[in-house]
Protein backbone atom coordinates (compact mmCIF):
# COMPACT_ATOMS: atom_id res chain seq x y z
CA GLU A 1 53.31 -33.86 -96.95
CA ILE A 2 56.44 -34.54 -94.29
CA THR A 3 56.06 -36.99 -91.45
CA LEU A 4 58.65 -37.17 -88.78
CA LYS A 5 59.26 -40.08 -86.11
CA LEU A 6 61.03 -39.19 -83.35
CA ILE A 7 62.50 -42.07 -81.10
CA LEU A 8 62.46 -41.10 -77.46
CA PRO A 9 65.26 -41.53 -74.82
CA ASN A 10 64.24 -43.94 -72.04
CA TRP A 11 63.29 -41.21 -69.53
CA ALA A 12 60.65 -39.99 -71.85
CA SER A 13 57.30 -41.35 -73.43
CA ASN A 14 54.16 -39.88 -75.14
CA LYS A 15 50.94 -39.02 -74.20
CA GLU A 16 49.67 -42.81 -74.83
CA GLY A 17 52.72 -44.12 -72.87
CA GLY A 18 54.67 -45.43 -76.12
CA ASP A 19 58.68 -44.29 -77.05
CA THR A 20 57.72 -42.49 -80.55
CA ILE A 21 56.44 -39.06 -81.45
CA LEU A 22 54.98 -38.54 -85.14
CA LEU A 23 54.70 -35.00 -86.31
CA SER A 24 53.18 -34.22 -89.88
CA HIS A 25 53.97 -31.00 -91.84
CA ILE A 26 50.91 -30.61 -94.31
CA SER A 27 51.08 -28.43 -97.48
CA ASP A 28 49.33 -25.29 -95.59
CA ASN A 29 52.31 -24.71 -93.54
CA ASN A 30 50.25 -26.35 -90.54
CA TYR A 31 51.88 -29.00 -88.30
CA VAL A 32 49.89 -31.57 -86.94
CA GLY A 33 50.98 -33.47 -84.02
CA ASP A 34 50.81 -34.15 -80.33
CA PHE A 35 53.78 -33.35 -78.04
CA GLY A 36 54.02 -34.42 -74.51
CA LEU A 37 56.67 -35.73 -71.99
CA GLN A 38 54.96 -38.11 -69.83
CA GLY A 39 54.44 -41.91 -68.82
CA ALA A 40 56.46 -44.35 -66.56
CA ASN A 41 59.85 -43.44 -67.45
CA SER A 42 59.56 -39.79 -68.05
CA PHE A 43 60.15 -36.91 -65.37
CA ASP A 44 57.76 -36.63 -62.88
CA TRP A 45 58.11 -33.24 -61.13
CA ALA A 46 55.13 -34.01 -58.60
CA HIS A 47 57.86 -35.13 -55.96
CA PRO A 48 59.28 -33.59 -52.65
CA LEU A 49 63.06 -32.60 -52.42
CA CYS A 50 64.68 -32.46 -48.98
CA TYR A 51 67.92 -31.81 -47.73
CA GLU A 52 68.31 -35.56 -46.93
CA SER A 53 67.07 -37.75 -49.41
CA ALA A 54 66.68 -40.74 -47.39
CA GLY A 55 62.79 -41.03 -46.41
CA CYS A 56 61.77 -37.87 -48.31
CA SER A 57 58.31 -36.85 -47.91
CA ASP A 58 55.96 -33.36 -47.53
CA ILE A 59 55.82 -33.63 -44.06
CA SER A 60 59.50 -34.53 -43.34
CA GLN A 61 61.68 -31.97 -41.16
CA ASN A 62 64.32 -31.41 -43.64
CA VAL A 63 61.86 -30.79 -46.68
CA PHE A 64 62.20 -27.81 -48.84
CA CYS A 65 59.96 -28.27 -51.47
CA LYS A 66 56.89 -30.02 -51.27
CA SER A 67 55.23 -32.28 -54.35
CA ILE A 68 53.02 -29.82 -55.10
CA GLU A 69 55.12 -27.12 -56.22
CA LYS A 70 56.18 -26.73 -59.32
CA SER A 71 59.21 -24.10 -59.14
CA CYS A 72 61.28 -25.23 -56.45
CA LYS A 73 64.78 -23.16 -55.80
CA LYS A 74 66.45 -23.03 -52.23
CA GLY A 75 69.15 -20.71 -50.21
CA LEU A 76 71.78 -20.88 -48.07
CA VAL A 77 72.84 -18.52 -45.90
CA ASP A 78 75.95 -18.99 -43.70
CA LEU A 79 77.04 -15.50 -41.53
CA ASP A 80 80.01 -15.51 -39.75
CA ILE A 81 80.03 -12.46 -37.09
CA SER A 82 83.73 -12.49 -35.74
CA GLU A 83 83.22 -9.65 -33.82
CA TYR A 84 80.58 -7.31 -32.15
CA SER A 85 81.65 -4.64 -29.91
CA PHE A 86 80.87 -1.52 -29.21
CA SER A 87 82.73 1.38 -31.00
CA GLU A 88 83.05 4.70 -28.25
CA LEU A 89 85.10 6.96 -29.93
CA GLN A 90 82.62 6.64 -33.48
CA LYS A 91 79.51 6.51 -31.14
CA GLY A 92 78.08 2.98 -32.90
CA ILE A 93 78.48 -0.64 -32.58
CA THR A 94 81.31 -2.21 -34.91
CA VAL A 95 80.55 -5.47 -36.90
CA GLU A 96 83.41 -7.99 -38.51
CA PHE A 97 81.70 -10.69 -40.58
CA ALA A 98 82.26 -12.70 -43.70
CA LEU A 99 79.29 -14.20 -45.80
CA ASN A 100 78.62 -17.21 -47.99
CA MET A 101 75.42 -17.34 -50.31
CA GLU A 102 73.93 -19.80 -52.60
CA ILE A 103 70.90 -20.07 -54.57
CA ALA A 104 70.20 -23.30 -56.33
CA LEU A 105 67.30 -23.66 -58.99
CA HIS A 106 65.84 -27.35 -59.15
CA ARG A 107 63.11 -27.49 -61.38
CA LEU A 108 61.10 -24.60 -62.90
CA SER A 109 57.09 -23.83 -63.84
CA VAL A 110 57.07 -22.85 -67.62
CA PRO A 111 54.46 -20.15 -67.51
CA SER A 112 51.04 -21.00 -69.09
CA SER A 113 51.16 -17.56 -71.46
CA ILE A 114 54.58 -19.07 -72.94
CA LEU A 115 52.85 -22.33 -73.73
CA ASP A 116 49.66 -20.95 -74.80
CA SER A 117 51.43 -18.82 -77.43
CA MET A 118 53.19 -22.01 -79.07
CA ASN A 119 49.86 -24.07 -79.48
CA SER A 120 47.69 -23.80 -82.06
CA ASP A 121 44.47 -25.80 -83.46
CA THR A 122 46.66 -28.71 -84.51
CA THR A 123 49.56 -28.53 -82.47
CA GLN A 124 50.02 -28.80 -78.35
CA VAL A 125 52.61 -28.31 -76.39
CA SER A 126 52.69 -29.76 -73.04
CA LEU A 127 55.83 -29.16 -70.84
CA PRO A 128 54.36 -27.66 -67.63
CA VAL A 129 57.59 -28.11 -65.76
CA LEU A 130 61.57 -28.17 -66.33
CA PRO A 131 63.89 -30.06 -63.98
CA SER A 132 67.47 -28.34 -63.85
CA ASP A 133 69.09 -31.51 -65.84
CA LEU A 134 66.60 -30.80 -68.89
CA LEU A 135 67.84 -27.32 -68.76
CA LYS A 136 71.49 -28.52 -68.93
CA LEU A 137 70.59 -30.91 -71.23
CA ILE A 138 69.09 -27.94 -73.70
CA LEU A 139 72.60 -26.33 -73.53
CA GLU A 140 74.23 -29.33 -74.53
CA ILE A 141 72.16 -29.76 -77.54
CA ALA A 142 72.48 -26.31 -78.49
CA ASP A 143 75.72 -26.27 -78.39
CA ARG A 144 75.84 -28.79 -81.28
CA GLY A 145 74.72 -26.85 -84.07
CA ASP A 146 76.78 -24.77 -86.10
CA THR A 147 75.01 -21.29 -85.33
CA PRO A 148 74.55 -21.84 -81.31
CA TYR A 149 71.39 -19.83 -79.99
CA SER A 150 71.76 -17.12 -78.41
CA THR A 151 68.75 -14.70 -76.10
CA SER A 152 69.34 -11.86 -73.71
CA PHE A 153 67.83 -10.73 -70.49
CA SER A 154 68.08 -8.25 -67.77
CA ILE A 155 68.98 -9.17 -64.24
CA CYS A 156 67.07 -5.92 -62.66
CA ASP A 157 64.49 -3.58 -64.00
CA ASP A 158 65.76 -0.35 -62.03
CA ASP A 159 66.86 2.49 -64.23
CA LYS A 160 69.11 4.46 -61.56
CA ILE A 161 71.32 1.50 -61.66
CA GLU A 162 73.73 1.22 -64.69
CA ILE A 163 73.86 -2.22 -64.70
CA CYS A 164 70.38 -2.66 -65.24
CA LYS A 165 70.38 -0.66 -68.33
CA ASN A 166 72.74 -3.43 -70.03
CA ASP A 167 71.21 -6.67 -71.09
CA GLN A 168 73.17 -9.78 -70.37
CA THR A 169 73.73 -12.02 -73.45
CA ILE A 170 73.87 -16.13 -73.05
CA GLU A 171 75.06 -18.20 -76.28
CA PHE A 172 73.93 -21.69 -75.96
CA SER A 173 77.66 -23.32 -76.66
CA THR A 174 81.06 -24.30 -74.30
CA ASN A 175 82.40 -20.75 -75.00
CA GLY A 176 79.25 -19.16 -74.55
CA ILE A 177 78.43 -20.59 -71.32
CA THR A 178 82.23 -20.09 -69.90
CA GLU A 179 82.00 -16.41 -71.26
CA PHE A 180 78.18 -15.95 -70.01
CA THR A 181 79.21 -17.28 -66.75
CA ASN A 182 82.00 -14.67 -66.23
CA GLN A 183 79.97 -11.92 -67.42
CA PHE A 184 77.03 -12.99 -65.08
CA GLY A 185 79.23 -12.98 -62.28
CA GLU A 186 80.73 -9.46 -62.58
CA SER A 187 77.23 -8.11 -63.27
CA VAL A 188 75.76 -9.77 -60.09
CA THR A 189 78.75 -8.26 -58.31
CA SER A 190 78.08 -4.43 -59.78
CA LEU A 191 74.40 -4.76 -58.80
CA ILE A 192 75.19 -6.18 -54.81
CA LYS A 193 77.49 -3.08 -54.63
CA SER A 194 74.83 -0.80 -56.30
CA GLU A 195 72.29 -2.10 -53.70
CA LEU A 196 74.97 -1.85 -50.68
CA LYS A 197 75.61 1.60 -52.08
CA THR A 198 71.84 2.72 -51.81
CA SER A 199 71.14 0.63 -48.39
CA SER A 200 71.57 2.59 -45.32
CA LYS A 201 70.83 -0.38 -43.15
CA ILE A 202 74.15 -2.01 -43.55
CA GLY A 203 76.20 1.01 -42.11
CA ASP A 204 79.01 2.68 -43.84
CA ILE A 205 81.14 0.49 -45.51
CA ASP A 206 84.14 1.01 -47.87
CA ILE A 207 82.46 -0.36 -51.35
CA ASP A 208 85.61 -0.03 -53.53
CA GLY A 209 87.49 -2.05 -51.25
CA PHE A 210 84.72 -4.45 -50.82
CA ASN A 211 85.67 -8.25 -52.38
CA ILE A 212 82.82 -9.98 -53.78
CA ASN A 213 83.39 -13.49 -55.39
CA THR A 214 80.34 -14.26 -57.90
CA THR A 215 80.16 -18.04 -59.57
CA LEU A 216 77.19 -19.64 -61.34
CA GLY A 217 77.82 -23.71 -61.33
CA GLY A 218 76.16 -26.54 -61.91
CA LEU A 219 75.42 -25.98 -65.62
CA ILE A 220 77.02 -29.39 -66.70
CA ASP A 221 74.74 -32.64 -65.94
CA THR A 222 77.13 -35.13 -64.51
CA ASP A 223 74.79 -38.35 -65.45
CA SER A 224 72.70 -39.50 -67.70
CA ILE A 225 69.40 -39.54 -65.81
CA ILE A 226 66.95 -36.55 -66.07
CA GLY A 227 65.99 -35.27 -63.05
CA ASP A 228 65.88 -32.14 -60.45
CA GLU A 229 68.06 -33.28 -57.55
CA GLU A 230 71.11 -31.32 -58.67
CA GLY A 231 70.35 -27.84 -59.21
CA ILE A 232 72.12 -24.68 -61.02
CA VAL A 233 73.87 -22.55 -58.30
CA LEU A 234 74.78 -19.33 -57.94
CA SER A 235 77.40 -18.75 -55.31
CA ILE A 236 78.03 -15.55 -53.47
CA ASN A 237 81.41 -15.06 -51.29
CA ILE A 238 82.20 -12.35 -49.34
CA PRO A 239 85.43 -12.73 -47.15
CA LYS A 240 85.52 -10.84 -44.08
CA VAL A 241 84.53 -7.11 -44.02
CA ARG A 242 84.56 -4.65 -41.07
CA THR A 243 81.48 -2.15 -40.84
CA THR A 244 80.54 0.15 -38.41
CA ILE A 245 76.75 0.87 -37.29
CA GLY A 246 76.28 4.48 -35.96
CA LEU A 247 73.66 6.21 -33.85
CA GLY A 248 72.10 9.09 -35.03
CA ASN A 249 71.78 11.07 -32.50
CA SER A 250 74.49 13.80 -31.72
CA TRP A 251 76.40 13.73 -28.74
CA SER A 252 74.68 16.79 -26.83
CA GLU A 253 71.30 14.75 -28.08
CA ILE A 254 72.58 11.44 -26.04
CA TYR A 255 73.57 13.66 -23.32
CA GLU A 256 70.09 15.07 -22.71
CA ILE A 257 68.54 11.95 -23.05
CA ILE A 258 70.68 10.47 -20.39
CA ASN A 259 69.71 13.23 -18.43
CA ASN A 260 66.13 13.10 -18.65
CA GLY A 261 66.02 9.63 -18.45
CA GLU A 262 63.85 9.46 -22.00
CA THR A 263 64.94 7.05 -24.51
CA ASP A 264 61.99 7.49 -27.09
CA ASN A 265 64.46 9.96 -29.01
CA LEU A 266 66.99 7.46 -29.22
CA ASN A 267 67.72 6.94 -32.95
CA ILE A 268 69.76 4.24 -34.18
CA ASP A 269 70.60 3.85 -38.20
CA ILE A 270 69.52 0.55 -38.12
CA ASN A 271 66.96 -1.62 -36.35
CA ALA A 272 70.00 -3.63 -34.80
CA PRO A 273 72.72 -5.22 -36.93
CA LEU A 274 70.23 -8.21 -37.31
CA LEU A 275 70.39 -10.90 -40.07
CA ASP A 276 68.36 -9.60 -42.26
CA ASN A 277 70.01 -5.91 -41.99
CA ILE A 278 73.42 -7.91 -43.63
CA VAL A 279 71.52 -10.52 -45.76
CA ASN A 280 68.81 -8.99 -47.75
CA PRO A 281 71.00 -6.15 -49.31
CA ILE A 282 72.84 -9.19 -51.15
CA MET A 283 70.17 -11.78 -51.11
CA THR A 284 67.94 -9.24 -52.86
CA PRO A 285 70.01 -8.95 -55.97
CA MET A 286 70.67 -12.47 -56.18
CA ILE A 287 67.24 -13.50 -56.60
CA LYS A 288 66.68 -10.56 -59.21
CA ALA A 289 69.68 -12.26 -61.29
CA MET A 290 68.55 -15.59 -60.75
CA ASP A 291 64.89 -15.03 -61.78
CA GLY A 292 66.21 -12.98 -64.91
CA LEU A 293 68.30 -16.07 -65.60
CA THR A 294 65.81 -18.86 -65.32
CA GLY A 295 63.28 -16.26 -67.12
CA ALA A 296 65.45 -16.51 -70.03
CA LEU A 297 66.19 -20.39 -69.62
CA THR A 298 62.38 -20.99 -69.61
CA LEU A 299 61.83 -19.19 -72.90
CA VAL A 300 64.68 -21.13 -74.78
CA ALA A 301 63.37 -24.34 -73.47
CA ALA A 302 59.68 -23.66 -74.21
CA SER A 303 60.54 -22.54 -77.83
CA THR A 304 63.21 -25.06 -78.19
CA ILE A 305 61.50 -27.43 -76.48
CA THR A 306 77.82 -19.88 -19.67
CA ASP A 307 78.58 -17.66 -16.37
CA GLY A 308 77.54 -13.62 -17.33
CA LEU A 309 75.41 -11.78 -18.07
CA ALA A 310 71.66 -13.41 -19.21
CA ILE A 311 69.04 -11.70 -21.10
CA LYS A 312 66.00 -14.51 -20.71
CA ASP A 313 63.22 -15.68 -22.18
CA ILE A 314 63.53 -14.28 -25.96
CA LYS A 315 61.02 -14.65 -28.29
CA THR A 316 60.93 -13.52 -31.91
CA ASP A 317 58.75 -14.53 -34.87
CA LEU A 318 60.54 -15.63 -37.71
CA PRO A 319 59.82 -14.80 -41.55
CA ASN A 320 58.27 -17.54 -43.98
CA SER A 321 59.88 -18.27 -46.92
CA ASP A 322 57.25 -16.51 -48.99
CA SER A 323 59.36 -13.32 -48.03
CA LEU A 324 62.39 -14.64 -49.19
CA ASP A 325 60.70 -16.33 -52.25
CA MET A 326 62.53 -19.55 -51.39
CA PRO A 327 63.17 -22.16 -48.21
CA LEU A 328 66.03 -20.74 -46.75
CA GLU A 329 69.11 -22.54 -44.40
CA LEU A 330 70.50 -20.24 -42.09
CA LYS A 331 73.86 -20.68 -40.23
CA LEU A 332 75.01 -18.23 -38.16
CA THR A 333 78.36 -18.18 -36.08
CA LEU A 334 78.15 -16.15 -32.97
CA PRO A 335 81.26 -14.24 -31.76
CA LEU A 336 83.36 -15.53 -28.71
CA GLY A 337 81.55 -15.06 -25.44
CA ILE A 338 78.44 -14.82 -27.17
CA TYR A 339 75.95 -17.62 -27.26
CA LEU A 340 72.37 -18.64 -26.83
CA GLU A 341 71.15 -21.00 -24.06
CA ASP A 342 68.12 -23.45 -24.48
CA LEU A 343 67.27 -22.45 -28.28
CA THR A 344 64.00 -23.74 -29.09
CA SER A 345 61.37 -23.46 -32.01
CA MET A 346 58.23 -24.56 -32.38
CA SER A 347 58.41 -26.56 -35.46
CA GLY A 348 62.05 -28.01 -34.24
CA ARG A 349 64.42 -26.88 -36.80
CA SER A 350 66.81 -25.15 -35.27
CA SER A 351 70.18 -26.49 -33.50
CA SER A 352 73.49 -25.20 -32.11
CA PHE A 353 76.63 -26.65 -31.61
CA PHE A 354 80.25 -25.27 -30.96
CA ASN A 355 83.12 -25.51 -33.36
CA SER A 356 86.49 -25.81 -32.86
CA GLU A 357 87.08 -22.30 -31.93
CA GLU A 358 84.68 -22.72 -29.01
CA ARG A 359 82.08 -20.39 -30.91
CA GLN A 360 78.60 -21.31 -31.03
CA VAL A 361 76.96 -21.96 -34.53
CA ILE A 362 73.38 -21.99 -35.11
CA GLU A 363 71.27 -23.69 -37.86
CA TYR A 364 67.98 -23.08 -38.87
CA ARG A 365 65.55 -23.85 -41.81
CA ILE A 366 63.14 -21.54 -43.20
CA VAL A 367 60.43 -23.98 -44.83
CA SER A 368 58.12 -23.12 -47.75
CA GLY A 369 54.54 -21.62 -46.56
CA ASP A 370 55.21 -22.15 -42.80
CA THR A 371 55.92 -19.75 -39.98
CA ASP A 372 57.61 -20.38 -36.81
CA SER A 373 59.06 -18.66 -33.89
CA ILE A 374 62.04 -19.38 -31.66
CA ASN A 375 62.68 -18.88 -27.95
CA PHE A 376 66.38 -18.47 -26.34
CA ASN A 377 68.24 -16.90 -23.48
CA LEU A 378 71.12 -14.77 -24.77
CA ILE A 379 74.34 -15.43 -22.23
CA ILE A 380 76.68 -12.66 -22.79
CA GLY A 381 79.88 -14.32 -21.06
CA TRP A 382 82.36 -12.45 -19.02
CA GLN A 383 85.20 -13.09 -21.75
CA TRP A 384 83.11 -10.85 -24.21
CA ILE A 385 82.29 -8.53 -21.06
CA LEU A 386 86.27 -8.26 -20.83
CA GLN A 387 87.09 -7.47 -24.40
CA GLN A 388 84.67 -4.53 -24.07
CA LEU A 389 86.03 -3.29 -20.85
CA LEU A 390 89.62 -4.03 -22.26
CA PRO A 391 90.18 -0.47 -23.70
CA TYR A 392 89.09 0.99 -20.63
CA ILE A 393 91.23 -1.32 -18.11
CA PHE A 394 94.09 -0.56 -20.39
CA PHE A 395 93.79 2.91 -20.11
CA THR A 396 93.06 2.94 -16.38
CA LEU A 397 96.16 1.00 -16.07
CA LEU A 398 98.13 3.29 -18.07
CA PHE A 399 96.76 6.31 -16.25
CA ILE A 400 97.64 4.53 -12.72
CA SER A 401 100.95 4.00 -14.03
CA TRP A 402 101.47 7.45 -15.20
CA ARG A 403 100.47 8.84 -11.76
CA ILE A 404 102.88 6.48 -10.02
CA ARG A 405 105.51 7.15 -11.99
CA ALA A 406 104.73 10.95 -11.73
CA ARG A 407 104.44 10.67 -7.72
CA ILE A 408 107.68 8.88 -7.28
CA LYS A 409 109.36 11.46 -9.81
CA LYS A 410 108.34 14.41 -7.55
CA ARG A 411 108.67 12.52 -4.32
CA ASN A 412 112.65 12.03 -5.71
CA LYS A 413 113.23 15.46 -6.67
CA LYS A 414 111.73 16.76 -3.34
CA LYS A 415 114.26 14.50 -1.77
CA ARG A 416 117.08 15.84 -3.54
CA ALA A 417 116.05 19.56 -2.89
CA SER A 418 116.20 18.66 0.82
CA GLU A 419 119.47 17.00 0.67
CA ILE A 420 120.95 20.06 -1.28
CA LYS A 421 119.56 22.50 1.19
CA ILE A 422 121.44 20.68 4.19
CA LEU A 423 124.53 20.62 2.39
CA LYS A 424 124.33 24.31 1.48
CA ALA A 425 123.67 24.90 5.26
CA GLU A 426 126.58 22.79 6.28
CA ALA A 427 128.72 24.54 4.05
CA SER A 428 127.53 28.22 5.10
CA GLU A 429 128.29 27.32 8.55
CA ASN A 430 131.99 26.42 8.01
CA MET A 431 133.08 29.03 5.56
CA PHE A 432 134.73 31.26 8.02
CA ALA A 433 135.76 28.49 10.49
CA ARG A 434 140.06 27.97 10.66
CA SER A 435 141.11 24.62 10.14
CA ILE A 436 142.76 22.68 13.24
CA ILE A 437 145.86 21.09 12.74
CA LEU A 438 146.09 18.01 14.96
CA ASN A 439 149.38 17.51 16.37
CA PRO A 440 150.46 15.01 18.99
CA ASP A 441 153.30 16.97 20.65
CA ILE A 442 150.88 20.13 21.12
CA GLU A 443 147.87 20.46 23.66
CA VAL A 444 145.45 22.94 22.97
CA ILE A 445 144.56 24.57 26.49
CA GLY A 446 141.78 26.82 25.40
CA VAL A 447 140.39 29.19 22.62
CA SER A 448 139.78 32.57 23.08
CA ASN A 449 136.71 34.66 21.83
CA CYS A 450 139.03 36.08 19.25
CA LYS A 451 139.55 32.59 17.98
CA ILE A 452 143.44 32.57 19.50
CA SER A 453 144.11 29.15 20.10
CA ILE A 454 146.25 28.53 23.42
CA LYS A 455 148.55 25.86 23.18
CA LYS A 456 151.50 24.14 24.83
CA ARG A 457 154.24 21.49 24.18
CA VAL A 458 153.84 18.09 25.46
CA ASN A 459 157.10 16.36 26.53
CA SER A 460 157.01 12.88 24.59
């Protein structure tokens, strides 16, 4: 029989509140022991997490995880729409945008099926929640062994996507984590591009030239305290990209719709360039990839241990965080010349301001298990209207300039032709006329019908 005594760190205690755990190994290969992490100094997951830690509670306006939620993760979407204009020649709407997204994991619930598979009649493991710092500590401890532990997982389950057929391998060592981070970023990028290719709601985008930067951070703990305030973060950055969202009708169909005054047959390839049409094809693969990673970490942890056009009184219902599987912080930067006036939400979680470029920035937080609606007036300023009319104004001025130049050129041509005609007439009249030589000593008396001049000499 072998007895192992574990002296716990100051943040953990056994089920009785002590600082040691005794494990026994007897001859019939059974383990005897009661292993649990709890007590005054151990990690207590039953607390809320807020964007601002001061005065955080379940009823705070800035809470993103409540004290009853074992699993906690949050998302950030920063969408910058720099251009939103009509494309007349392509029969659609041109959108130019840049996108930054983050998914942060703060704590993770361990499935009961995993714990049940590890429990026996003589051994019970109690570890309902894994904080993010404990996951980082597991990675650090695993690196100390001669043969680092490794595991594999899949980031998606779609057999039609090539990247889903290949498992992601993570080795719990310093070099292994670095290599995995690079590989994981490339895999998520490939998954997002596959999602964009198969998604018809975001328009026609040149995927080959589509630049996506993926990073996985927060895998190293920066302090000696085990908690869940600093999460493991998966970040996506998409530099500015341009896409055109077209109408599904032909020009003849649009002409018929306009003439008949019917709009029921107007087909738009997407509902509108709404936030979710741009975000969802990118956010969904991120969530799948993060779920695959956290699932692998759970297994490892458990087994190891103002003037302008105004459109008023717009009201729209917002989805709750259940449809996105996490609380979400939205940041939307509108194009110059378009802004929202009198923006209000029932929950009071919306705000707006103007940045240094005089563009309005909308901020909104979607909270777990809550629904909300917002009201606003959409103001389309004259600056944006003039931008849309600028091509028409340019071509109109160009046409007017061409017509004025053509008229001046035609008038000068007619004037020159008239002058030439007069010169020709004068030349024909003087063709047979005899030149008259003036002499002060001779006086012309008369000219006969035969053009004979009669002269006389004048005495000086």
